[in-house]
C-alpha cells in the first residue's frame, strides 16, 4: 500500500500543488543568527515550520526526529492532505508518526539494531542524504555531478555513501559550504544547527516549487497581446545571427505582409499583417529580415517592408546587451529542470546563471534567490535590455527571464516550449509579474 501511496503522492504533487502565503507566525525563537533572519521570515510566510518548532533555540543542533518532522510537514503542505502510514512499529525506540511517515517515504532509514535514535544529532552529510531522499520522495530525480565538490578543501572527508547526495546538494545550490580564511569547507562530519539545516532545507523546498511550477504549466494556454488565446506549441527553431536591437518598427509600405516561420520566403506562413500595423520586433537578422512576436509566437518578416522605427532601450549597458544577445543564441534549446549548460539544456534560472556566468558574473542559482540577492530593483517602466524579470506570487519568484526590449524576454519556459521569447503582455505572464532586477549597473 505504501508504494501505491508514494506514487499517488508524486501524482498529487504535480496536480494539486498550492502556493499560498500565510501571516507571519507569532512564535518567538532564540539564538537566531542575523544571516538566518530573512530565511526564518520566509519559512514562516510559507508555513513551513511545524508547530513543535515554536520557541526553539535555533543555534542548537538539529536532531533526526526534528528533521523528519520538518520534511513530512512540508510534503503534507504541498499535497494538502495527511500522509497515512501503513504501520507504526518499525523501530524499537519510537513510534512517532512523522518518523514513520518519513521512513515509509524513503526520506530516512533506521539502524541495523532496529532503532531509529530520534534524539541523535544529524551530521551534515546525513542531512545531505535526507535532502536527496526528500527530492526523490517528491518525484524529482536530481542528477549528481562530482565536479561540484572540487572547490571544497575537505571533500575527501565525505563518506562514500554520502558522495552522491553531497554532489546533488552543492550542484542545486542547497548547500554553500563554510568559508574560512584558507578556503571553503563542506564539513560533512560536523553537526548542523537547526537554522543551518532549515536554511538548506528552504533552498531545496523552493527549488522543488520551481520544478513543479513547470510540470504544472507545461501545456498552459496563454493569450497574446491581442487576446487570441493560442496554445503555445513549443515549436521553436534555433536561428543564428539574429541580433537583439531593442527597436519597435512599423510596417507601412505594403497592404499585406506575410509573417513566416523562418527568415525566408520559402518557409511556412504564420499569418499576415496589414499596413500601419505595429510590429513587436525582437531582433534583426543577418539577411535583412526582421524577427517579430506574432500572436504569441516568434515569426519573421521581410525587412524591405518594415520602416519607421524608434530606438528603445538605448541606455542599456553594452555588456548587458551582449548577455541578452548571448541568451538569444539558445532559443530552441530544451528545457531540463536543474540543467545549466548548452550540452544538458536549461531551466529558467539555469539559463540566467549560465549566461551571466560566461561574462564573469556570479549569480544565485534559483529564481527566488536571484530576485532577493542579486542586482538592484528597477521599475517596469525603466526596464533595459539585460535586466532580469521575475514572475511568481506574493514575494516568491518561481520564474525568471532576461529582458530583451519592447516588453519581451527570453527564458527557458517549460518542458514543452524550451528556451523561447515571450511577451510580458501575455496574460499568463502579466498576471504573475513580480519585479525586475538590474545586474549590471555601471
Protein backbone atom coordinates (compact mmCIF):
# COMPACT_ATOMS: atom_id res chain seq x y z
CA UNK A 1 0.00 0.00 0.00
CA UNK A 2 2.73 2.48 0.84
CA UNK A 3 4.29 2.13 -2.62
CA UNK A 4 0.94 2.96 -4.14
CA UNK A 5 0.58 5.91 -1.81
CA UNK A 6 4.03 7.12 -2.85
CA UNK A 7 3.01 7.02 -6.50
CA UNK A 8 -0.21 8.82 -5.69
CA UNK A 9 1.79 11.36 -3.74
CA UNK A 10 4.01 12.00 -6.74
CA UNK A 11 0.95 12.48 -8.94
CA UNK A 12 -0.71 14.71 -6.39
CA UNK A 13 2.37 16.89 -6.20
CA UNK A 14 2.13 17.58 -9.92
CA UNK A 15 -1.60 18.24 -9.89
CA UNK A 16 -2.59 19.96 -6.69
CA UNK A 17 0.44 21.90 -5.50
CA UNK A 18 -0.87 25.06 -3.89
CA UNK A 19 1.29 28.08 -3.16
CA UNK A 20 -0.30 30.31 -0.53
CA UNK A 21 1.40 32.72 1.83
CA UNK A 22 0.19 32.80 5.41
CA UNK A 23 0.56 35.55 8.02
CA UNK A 24 3.81 35.78 9.95
CA UNK A 25 3.89 33.23 12.75
CA UNK A 26 3.89 34.62 16.26
CA UNK A 27 6.33 32.09 17.70
CA UNK A 28 9.37 33.61 19.39
CA UNK A 29 12.69 31.95 18.57
CA UNK A 30 16.01 32.37 20.32
CA UNK A 31 19.56 32.04 19.08
CA UNK A 32 18.63 33.37 15.63
CA UNK A 33 21.72 34.42 13.69
CA UNK A 34 21.42 37.63 11.70
CA UNK A 35 22.15 35.84 8.42
CA UNK A 36 19.20 33.48 9.03
CA UNK A 37 16.56 36.11 9.85
CA UNK A 38 15.34 36.57 6.23
CA UNK A 39 15.10 32.79 5.75
CA UNK A 40 13.20 32.40 9.02
CA UNK A 41 10.67 35.03 7.94
CA UNK A 42 10.29 33.30 4.60
CA UNK A 43 9.71 29.91 6.21
CA UNK A 44 7.08 31.46 8.46
CA UNK A 45 5.36 33.10 5.49
CA UNK A 46 5.36 29.81 3.58
CA UNK A 47 4.03 27.90 6.59
CA UNK A 48 6.99 25.52 6.57
CA UNK A 49 7.58 25.37 10.33
CA UNK A 50 5.86 22.65 12.37
CA UNK A 51 4.07 23.84 15.50
CA UNK A 52 6.53 21.92 17.66
CA UNK A 53 9.29 24.26 16.48
CA UNK A 54 7.69 27.19 18.32
CA UNK A 55 10.17 28.71 20.76
CA UNK A 56 13.16 26.68 19.52
CA UNK A 57 16.69 27.88 20.19
CA UNK A 58 17.82 27.78 16.57
CA UNK A 59 21.52 27.77 17.40
CA UNK A 60 21.17 24.28 18.88
CA UNK A 61 21.93 21.16 16.83
CA UNK A 62 19.07 19.58 14.89
CA UNK A 63 18.03 16.03 15.73
CA UNK A 64 16.99 13.22 13.44
CA UNK A 65 13.41 13.46 14.70
CA UNK A 66 13.21 17.22 14.15
CA UNK A 67 14.40 16.85 10.57
CA UNK A 68 11.80 14.16 9.89
CA UNK A 69 9.02 16.40 11.16
CA UNK A 70 10.21 19.33 9.02
CA UNK A 71 10.32 17.19 5.86
CA UNK A 72 6.96 15.48 6.39
CA UNK A 73 5.27 18.75 7.32
CA UNK A 74 6.45 20.24 4.01
CA UNK A 75 5.20 17.27 1.97
CA UNK A 76 1.79 17.36 3.64
CA UNK A 77 1.57 21.09 2.99
CA UNK A 78 2.37 20.57 -0.68
CA UNK A 79 -0.20 17.81 -1.19
CA UNK A 80 -2.88 19.28 1.01
CA UNK A 81 -3.67 16.04 2.81
CA UNK A 82 -2.25 13.94 5.65
CA UNK A 83 0.04 11.07 4.70
CA UNK A 84 -1.23 7.85 6.30
CA UNK A 85 1.47 5.27 7.16
CA UNK A 86 0.90 1.52 6.85
CA UNK A 87 2.10 0.74 10.39
CA UNK A 88 3.96 2.33 13.29
CA UNK A 89 6.17 -0.39 14.79
CA UNK A 90 9.21 -0.20 12.54
CA UNK A 91 11.55 0.85 15.36
CA UNK A 92 12.04 -0.27 18.94
CA UNK A 93 12.64 3.23 20.28
CA UNK A 94 9.96 5.39 18.61
CA UNK A 95 6.51 5.30 17.04
CA UNK A 96 6.31 9.00 16.21
CA UNK A 97 4.02 9.33 13.22
CA UNK A 98 6.22 11.78 11.33
CA UNK A 99 9.25 9.49 11.74
CA UNK A 100 7.25 6.53 10.45
CA UNK A 101 5.97 8.59 7.52
CA UNK A 102 9.47 9.76 6.65
CA UNK A 103 10.71 6.17 6.83
CA UNK A 104 7.96 4.79 4.57
CA UNK A 105 8.58 7.56 2.05
CA UNK A 106 12.28 6.68 1.95
CA UNK A 107 13.42 10.00 3.41
CA UNK A 108 15.21 8.38 6.37
CA UNK A 109 16.32 4.92 7.45
CA UNK A 110 16.93 3.23 10.76
CA UNK A 111 19.89 1.40 12.30
CA UNK A 112 20.68 -2.35 11.97
CA UNK A 113 19.74 -2.95 15.62
CA UNK A 114 16.13 -1.91 14.94
CA UNK A 115 16.41 1.54 16.49
CA UNK A 116 15.97 4.97 14.95
CA UNK A 117 17.72 7.08 17.60
CA UNK A 118 15.42 10.08 17.17
CA UNK A 119 17.38 12.30 19.56
CA UNK A 120 20.72 11.80 17.82
CA UNK A 121 22.12 14.89 16.17
CA UNK A 122 22.40 14.92 12.40
CA UNK A 123 25.79 15.21 10.77
CA UNK A 124 25.86 17.45 7.74
CA UNK A 125 26.41 14.53 5.37
CA UNK A 126 23.40 12.73 6.89
CA UNK A 127 21.44 15.90 6.19
CA UNK A 128 22.67 15.89 2.58
CA UNK A 129 21.33 12.35 2.20
CA UNK A 130 17.96 13.31 3.68
CA UNK A 131 17.67 16.19 1.21
CA UNK A 132 18.36 13.86 -1.72
CA UNK A 133 15.77 11.41 -0.40
CA UNK A 134 13.27 14.24 0.11
CA UNK A 135 13.66 15.29 -3.53
CA UNK A 136 13.10 11.74 -4.74
CA UNK A 137 10.09 11.27 -2.46
CA UNK A 138 8.70 14.40 -4.14
CA UNK A 139 9.08 12.76 -7.60
CA UNK A 140 12.06 14.93 -8.59
CA UNK A 141 15.15 12.97 -9.62
CA UNK A 142 18.22 15.22 -9.14
CA UNK A 143 21.43 14.38 -11.01
CA UNK A 144 24.78 14.18 -9.23
CA UNK A 145 27.98 15.66 -10.70
CA UNK A 146 31.29 15.00 -8.94
CA UNK A 147 32.88 18.17 -10.36
CA UNK A 148 30.80 20.28 -7.97
CA UNK A 149 32.78 19.14 -4.94
CA UNK A 150 36.13 20.24 -6.36
CA UNK A 151 36.12 23.65 -4.71
CA UNK A 152 35.90 22.31 -1.13
CA UNK A 153 39.04 21.70 0.91
CA UNK A 154 37.65 18.73 2.85
CA UNK A 155 35.89 16.79 0.08
CA UNK A 156 37.89 13.67 0.97
CA UNK A 157 36.11 13.51 4.34
CA UNK A 158 32.74 12.79 2.73
CA UNK A 159 31.89 9.11 3.25
CA UNK A 160 31.32 7.10 0.09
CA UNK A 161 27.62 6.56 0.86
CA UNK A 162 27.06 10.33 1.04
CA UNK A 163 29.07 11.47 -2.01
CA UNK A 164 26.16 11.47 -4.44
CA UNK A 165 23.96 13.38 -2.00
CA UNK A 166 26.71 15.93 -1.35
CA UNK A 167 27.21 16.46 -5.08
CA UNK A 168 23.47 17.00 -5.55
CA UNK A 169 23.17 19.44 -2.65
CA UNK A 170 26.05 21.56 -3.94
CA UNK A 171 25.05 21.36 -7.60
CA UNK A 172 21.49 22.54 -6.98
CA UNK A 173 22.53 25.29 -4.57
CA UNK A 174 21.10 23.71 -1.43
CA UNK A 175 24.50 23.77 0.30
CA UNK A 176 27.09 26.53 0.03
CA UNK A 177 29.73 25.35 2.49
CA UNK A 178 31.52 27.23 5.25
CA UNK A 179 34.01 29.91 4.30
CA UNK A 180 37.22 30.06 6.33
CA UNK A 181 40.42 32.02 5.84
CA UNK A 182 42.07 29.22 3.90
CA UNK A 183 39.07 28.30 1.74
CA UNK A 184 35.61 26.76 1.79
CA UNK A 185 34.73 23.65 3.82
CA UNK A 186 31.86 21.23 3.36
CA UNK A 187 32.28 19.96 6.96
CA UNK A 188 30.48 16.65 6.26
CA UNK A 189 31.15 15.14 9.69
CA UNK A 190 30.13 18.20 11.68
CA UNK A 191 26.68 18.64 13.15
CA UNK A 192 24.19 21.01 11.57
CA UNK A 193 22.48 23.61 13.73
CA UNK A 194 18.74 23.91 13.44
CA UNK A 195 19.00 27.16 11.49
CA UNK A 196 21.69 25.80 9.17
CA UNK A 197 19.54 22.76 8.39
CA UNK A 198 16.42 24.92 8.00
CA UNK A 199 18.21 27.27 5.58
CA UNK A 200 19.44 24.38 3.43
CA UNK A 201 16.01 22.74 3.53
CA UNK A 202 14.34 26.01 2.49
CA UNK A 203 16.56 26.19 -0.60
CA UNK A 204 15.60 22.64 -1.53
CA UNK A 205 11.91 23.32 -0.97
CA UNK A 206 11.98 26.44 -3.15
CA UNK A 207 13.81 24.56 -5.86
CA UNK A 208 11.09 21.91 -5.83
CA UNK A 209 8.45 24.63 -6.04
CA UNK A 210 10.16 25.91 -9.17
CA UNK A 211 10.27 22.38 -10.59
CA UNK A 212 6.57 21.74 -10.08
CA UNK A 213 5.71 25.14 -11.49
CA UNK A 214 7.00 23.93 -14.85
CA UNK A 215 5.42 20.49 -14.61
CA UNK A 216 2.06 22.14 -13.97
CA UNK A 217 2.39 24.79 -16.69
CA UNK A 218 3.97 22.70 -19.45
CA UNK A 219 0.77 22.75 -21.52
CA UNK A 220 -0.55 26.11 -20.35
CA UNK A 221 -2.82 28.17 -22.62
CA UNK A 222 -1.79 31.82 -22.82
CA UNK A 223 -3.15 34.91 -24.53
CA UNK A 224 -1.03 37.12 -26.72
CA UNK A 225 -1.39 40.91 -26.67
CA UNK A 226 -4.49 40.79 -28.88
CA UNK A 227 -6.20 38.15 -26.76
CA UNK A 228 -6.09 35.38 -29.34
CA UNK A 229 -5.77 32.61 -26.75
CA UNK A 230 -3.40 30.46 -28.81
CA UNK A 231 -1.83 27.37 -27.30
CA UNK A 232 1.95 27.57 -27.01
CA UNK A 233 3.25 24.83 -29.29
CA UNK A 234 6.89 24.98 -28.30
CA UNK A 235 7.89 24.54 -31.96
CA UNK A 236 10.93 26.79 -31.72
CA UNK A 237 13.79 26.67 -34.20
CA UNK A 238 17.35 27.71 -33.45
CA UNK A 239 18.01 30.80 -35.55
CA UNK A 240 21.57 32.04 -35.76
CA UNK A 241 22.75 35.58 -36.47
CA UNK A 242 19.73 37.35 -35.00
CA UNK A 243 20.79 40.41 -33.03
CA UNK A 244 18.65 41.95 -30.30
CA UNK A 245 18.07 45.57 -31.24
CA UNK A 246 15.58 46.94 -28.75
CA UNK A 247 13.54 48.61 -31.50
CA UNK A 248 9.87 48.90 -32.29
CA UNK A 249 9.21 49.16 -36.04
CA UNK A 250 6.06 49.82 -38.03
CA UNK A 251 5.15 48.13 -41.32
CA UNK A 252 3.61 50.73 -43.62
CA UNK A 253 4.78 50.06 -47.19
CA UNK A 254 2.52 47.20 -48.33
CA UNK A 255 -1.09 46.18 -47.86
CA UNK A 256 -0.43 42.66 -46.57
CA UNK A 257 2.87 41.31 -45.30
CA UNK A 258 3.40 37.63 -44.65
CA UNK A 259 4.72 36.60 -41.26
CA UNK A 260 6.75 33.44 -41.83
CA UNK A 261 8.03 30.63 -39.66
CA UNK A 262 11.66 31.25 -40.64
CA UNK A 263 13.60 34.05 -42.30
CA UNK A 264 12.95 33.01 -45.91
CA UNK A 265 10.11 33.34 -48.44
CA UNK A 266 10.18 29.56 -48.88
CA UNK A 267 9.00 28.82 -45.34
CA UNK A 268 5.52 28.40 -43.87
CA UNK A 269 3.28 31.46 -43.43
CA UNK A 270 2.02 32.01 -39.88
CA UNK A 271 -0.29 34.87 -40.87
CA UNK A 272 -0.35 38.37 -42.33
CA UNK A 273 -0.18 41.93 -41.01
CA UNK A 274 -1.60 44.99 -42.70
CA UNK A 275 -0.32 48.46 -43.47
CA UNK A 276 0.37 50.54 -40.36
CA UNK A 277 0.46 47.54 -38.02
CA UNK A 278 2.73 48.00 -35.00
CA UNK A 279 5.20 45.11 -35.02
CA UNK A 280 6.86 43.96 -31.81
CA UNK A 281 10.41 43.49 -33.03
CA UNK A 282 12.78 41.24 -31.09
CA UNK A 283 15.74 41.23 -33.45
CA UNK A 284 17.30 41.98 -36.82
CA UNK A 285 18.51 39.06 -38.93
CA UNK A 286 21.78 38.94 -40.82
CA UNK A 287 19.99 38.62 -44.18
CA UNK A 288 17.86 41.74 -43.63
CA UNK A 289 14.76 40.01 -42.31
CA UNK A 290 13.17 41.10 -39.03
CA UNK A 291 12.32 38.82 -36.10
CA UNK A 292 8.94 39.70 -34.52
CA UNK A 293 6.43 38.45 -31.99
CA UNK A 294 3.21 37.37 -33.70
CA UNK A 295 0.26 36.02 -31.69
CA UNK A 296 2.46 34.58 -29.00
CA UNK A 297 4.96 33.05 -31.45
CA UNK A 298 8.28 34.08 -32.94
CA UNK A 299 7.92 34.98 -36.63
CA UNK A 300 9.89 36.68 -39.40
CA UNK A 301 9.01 39.33 -41.97
CA UNK A 302 10.99 40.81 -44.82
CA UNK A 303 12.83 43.92 -43.73
CA UNK A 304 12.14 45.51 -47.13
CA UNK A 305 8.64 46.43 -45.95
CA UNK A 306 9.42 47.47 -42.40
CA UNK A 307 10.31 51.09 -41.79
CA UNK A 308 9.81 53.98 -39.38
CA UNK A 309 11.38 52.67 -36.20
CA UNK A 310 12.36 54.37 -32.98
CA UNK A 311 15.29 53.21 -30.90
CA UNK A 312 14.37 51.97 -27.44
CA UNK A 313 16.45 50.80 -24.51
CA UNK A 314 19.40 52.78 -25.84
CA UNK A 315 20.68 53.47 -22.35
CA UNK A 316 21.35 49.80 -21.63
CA UNK A 317 24.87 48.80 -20.72
CA UNK A 318 26.80 47.25 -23.64
CA UNK A 319 27.69 44.19 -21.57
CA UNK A 320 24.04 43.70 -20.61
CA UNK A 321 23.05 43.83 -24.27
CA UNK A 322 25.80 41.33 -25.12
CA UNK A 323 24.49 38.93 -22.44
CA UNK A 324 20.94 39.25 -23.76
CA UNK A 325 22.17 38.53 -27.29
CA UNK A 326 24.12 35.56 -25.95
CA UNK A 327 20.99 34.21 -24.25
CA UNK A 328 19.10 34.53 -27.56
CA UNK A 329 21.51 32.07 -29.19
CA UNK A 330 19.93 29.35 -27.04
CA UNK A 331 16.38 29.84 -28.35
CA UNK A 332 15.15 26.38 -29.26
CA UNK A 333 17.31 24.55 -26.70
CA UNK A 334 15.42 22.10 -24.44
CA UNK A 335 14.07 22.87 -21.02
CA UNK A 336 15.61 20.48 -18.47
CA UNK A 337 14.98 21.08 -14.81
CA UNK A 338 18.22 21.60 -12.87
CA UNK A 339 20.29 22.00 -16.05
CA UNK A 340 22.53 24.98 -16.67
CA UNK A 341 24.59 24.30 -19.80
CA UNK A 342 24.14 24.08 -23.58
CA UNK A 343 25.06 20.39 -23.51
CA UNK A 344 22.35 19.48 -20.99
CA UNK A 345 19.71 22.18 -21.56
CA UNK A 346 18.44 24.83 -19.16
CA UNK A 347 15.81 25.57 -16.60
CA UNK A 348 14.83 29.22 -16.21
CA UNK A 349 17.32 30.23 -13.54
CA UNK A 350 19.93 27.92 -15.06
CA UNK A 351 19.82 29.88 -18.33
CA UNK A 352 20.29 33.15 -16.46
CA UNK A 353 23.00 31.66 -14.24
CA UNK A 354 24.91 30.29 -17.23
CA UNK A 355 24.67 33.37 -19.47
CA UNK A 356 25.82 35.81 -16.81
CA UNK A 357 28.46 33.36 -15.62
CA UNK A 358 30.04 33.30 -19.08
CA UNK A 359 30.64 37.03 -18.65
CA UNK A 360 32.27 36.59 -15.25
CA UNK A 361 29.16 37.49 -13.21
CA UNK A 362 28.25 35.03 -10.46
CA UNK A 363 24.54 34.84 -9.59
CA UNK A 364 22.50 32.74 -7.19
CA UNK A 365 21.13 29.55 -8.69
CA UNK A 366 17.33 29.68 -8.21
CA UNK A 367 14.89 32.30 -9.46
CA UNK A 368 13.78 33.34 -5.98
CA UNK A 369 17.34 33.65 -4.70
CA UNK A 370 18.31 35.70 -7.76
CA UNK A 371 15.42 38.07 -7.10
CA UNK A 372 16.27 38.53 -3.44
CA UNK A 373 20.07 38.58 -3.62
CA UNK A 374 21.31 39.82 -7.00
CA UNK A 375 21.30 43.25 -8.63
CA UNK A 376 19.19 46.31 -7.85
CA UNK A 377 15.45 46.74 -8.24
CA UNK A 378 14.14 48.62 -11.29
CA UNK A 379 10.59 49.56 -12.17
CA UNK A 380 8.89 48.03 -15.18
CA UNK A 381 8.75 51.42 -16.86
CA UNK A 382 12.55 51.69 -16.64
CA UNK A 383 13.42 48.23 -17.98
CA UNK A 384 16.53 47.94 -20.11
CA UNK A 385 17.92 45.11 -22.22
CA UNK A 386 19.71 42.62 -19.95
CA UNK A 387 17.57 43.22 -16.86
CA UNK A 388 16.13 40.17 -15.13
CA UNK A 389 12.33 39.92 -14.95
CA UNK A 390 10.68 37.75 -12.30
CA UNK A 391 7.31 36.04 -12.09
CA UNK A 392 5.55 34.19 -9.29
CA UNK A 393 3.24 35.00 -6.40
CA UNK A 394 3.48 37.21 -3.31
CA UNK A 395 7.17 37.68 -2.53
CA UNK A 396 8.20 34.33 -4.06
CA UNK A 397 9.63 34.08 -7.59
CA UNK A 398 9.39 30.74 -9.38
CA UNK A 399 10.35 32.03 -12.83
CA UNK A 400 12.93 34.37 -14.33
CA UNK A 401 13.91 35.60 -17.78
CA UNK A 402 16.22 38.14 -19.43
CA UNK A 403 14.56 41.27 -20.81
CA UNK A 404 15.34 41.92 -24.49
CA UNK A 405 13.31 45.08 -25.14
CA UNK A 406 9.77 46.00 -26.15
CA UNK A 407 8.13 44.06 -23.32
CA UNK A 408 9.74 40.81 -24.47
CA UNK A 409 12.02 38.45 -22.58
CA UNK A 410 13.99 35.32 -23.41
CA UNK A 411 13.63 32.42 -20.98
CA UNK A 412 13.63 28.67 -20.53
CA UNK A 413 9.87 28.44 -20.49
CA UNK A 414 8.85 24.85 -19.67
CA UNK A 415 9.35 21.26 -20.86
CA UNK A 416 7.11 21.67 -23.91
CA UNK A 417 8.46 25.03 -25.11
CA UNK A 418 12.14 25.03 -24.17
CA UNK A 419 14.07 28.28 -24.46
CA UNK A 420 11.93 30.85 -26.25
CA UNK A 421 10.96 34.51 -26.43
CA UNK A 422 7.70 35.57 -24.77
CA UNK A 423 5.86 38.84 -24.35
CA UNK A 424 5.36 40.22 -20.86
CA UNK A 425 1.93 41.30 -22.10
CA UNK A 426 0.77 37.71 -22.49
CA UNK A 427 -1.95 37.25 -19.90
CA UNK A 428 -0.19 34.38 -18.20
CA UNK A 429 2.98 36.39 -17.53
CA UNK A 430 1.24 39.73 -16.99
CA UNK A 431 -0.75 38.21 -14.13
CA UNK A 432 2.36 36.75 -12.50
CA UNK A 433 4.89 39.55 -12.95
CA UNK A 434 6.63 40.50 -9.69
CA UNK A 435 9.60 42.78 -10.28
CA UNK A 436 12.84 43.31 -12.20
CA UNK A 437 16.50 43.46 -11.15
CA UNK A 438 19.40 45.12 -12.94
CA UNK A 439 22.58 43.08 -12.58
CA UNK A 440 24.97 45.38 -14.44
CA UNK A 441 24.61 48.92 -13.14
CA UNK A 442 27.75 50.68 -14.44
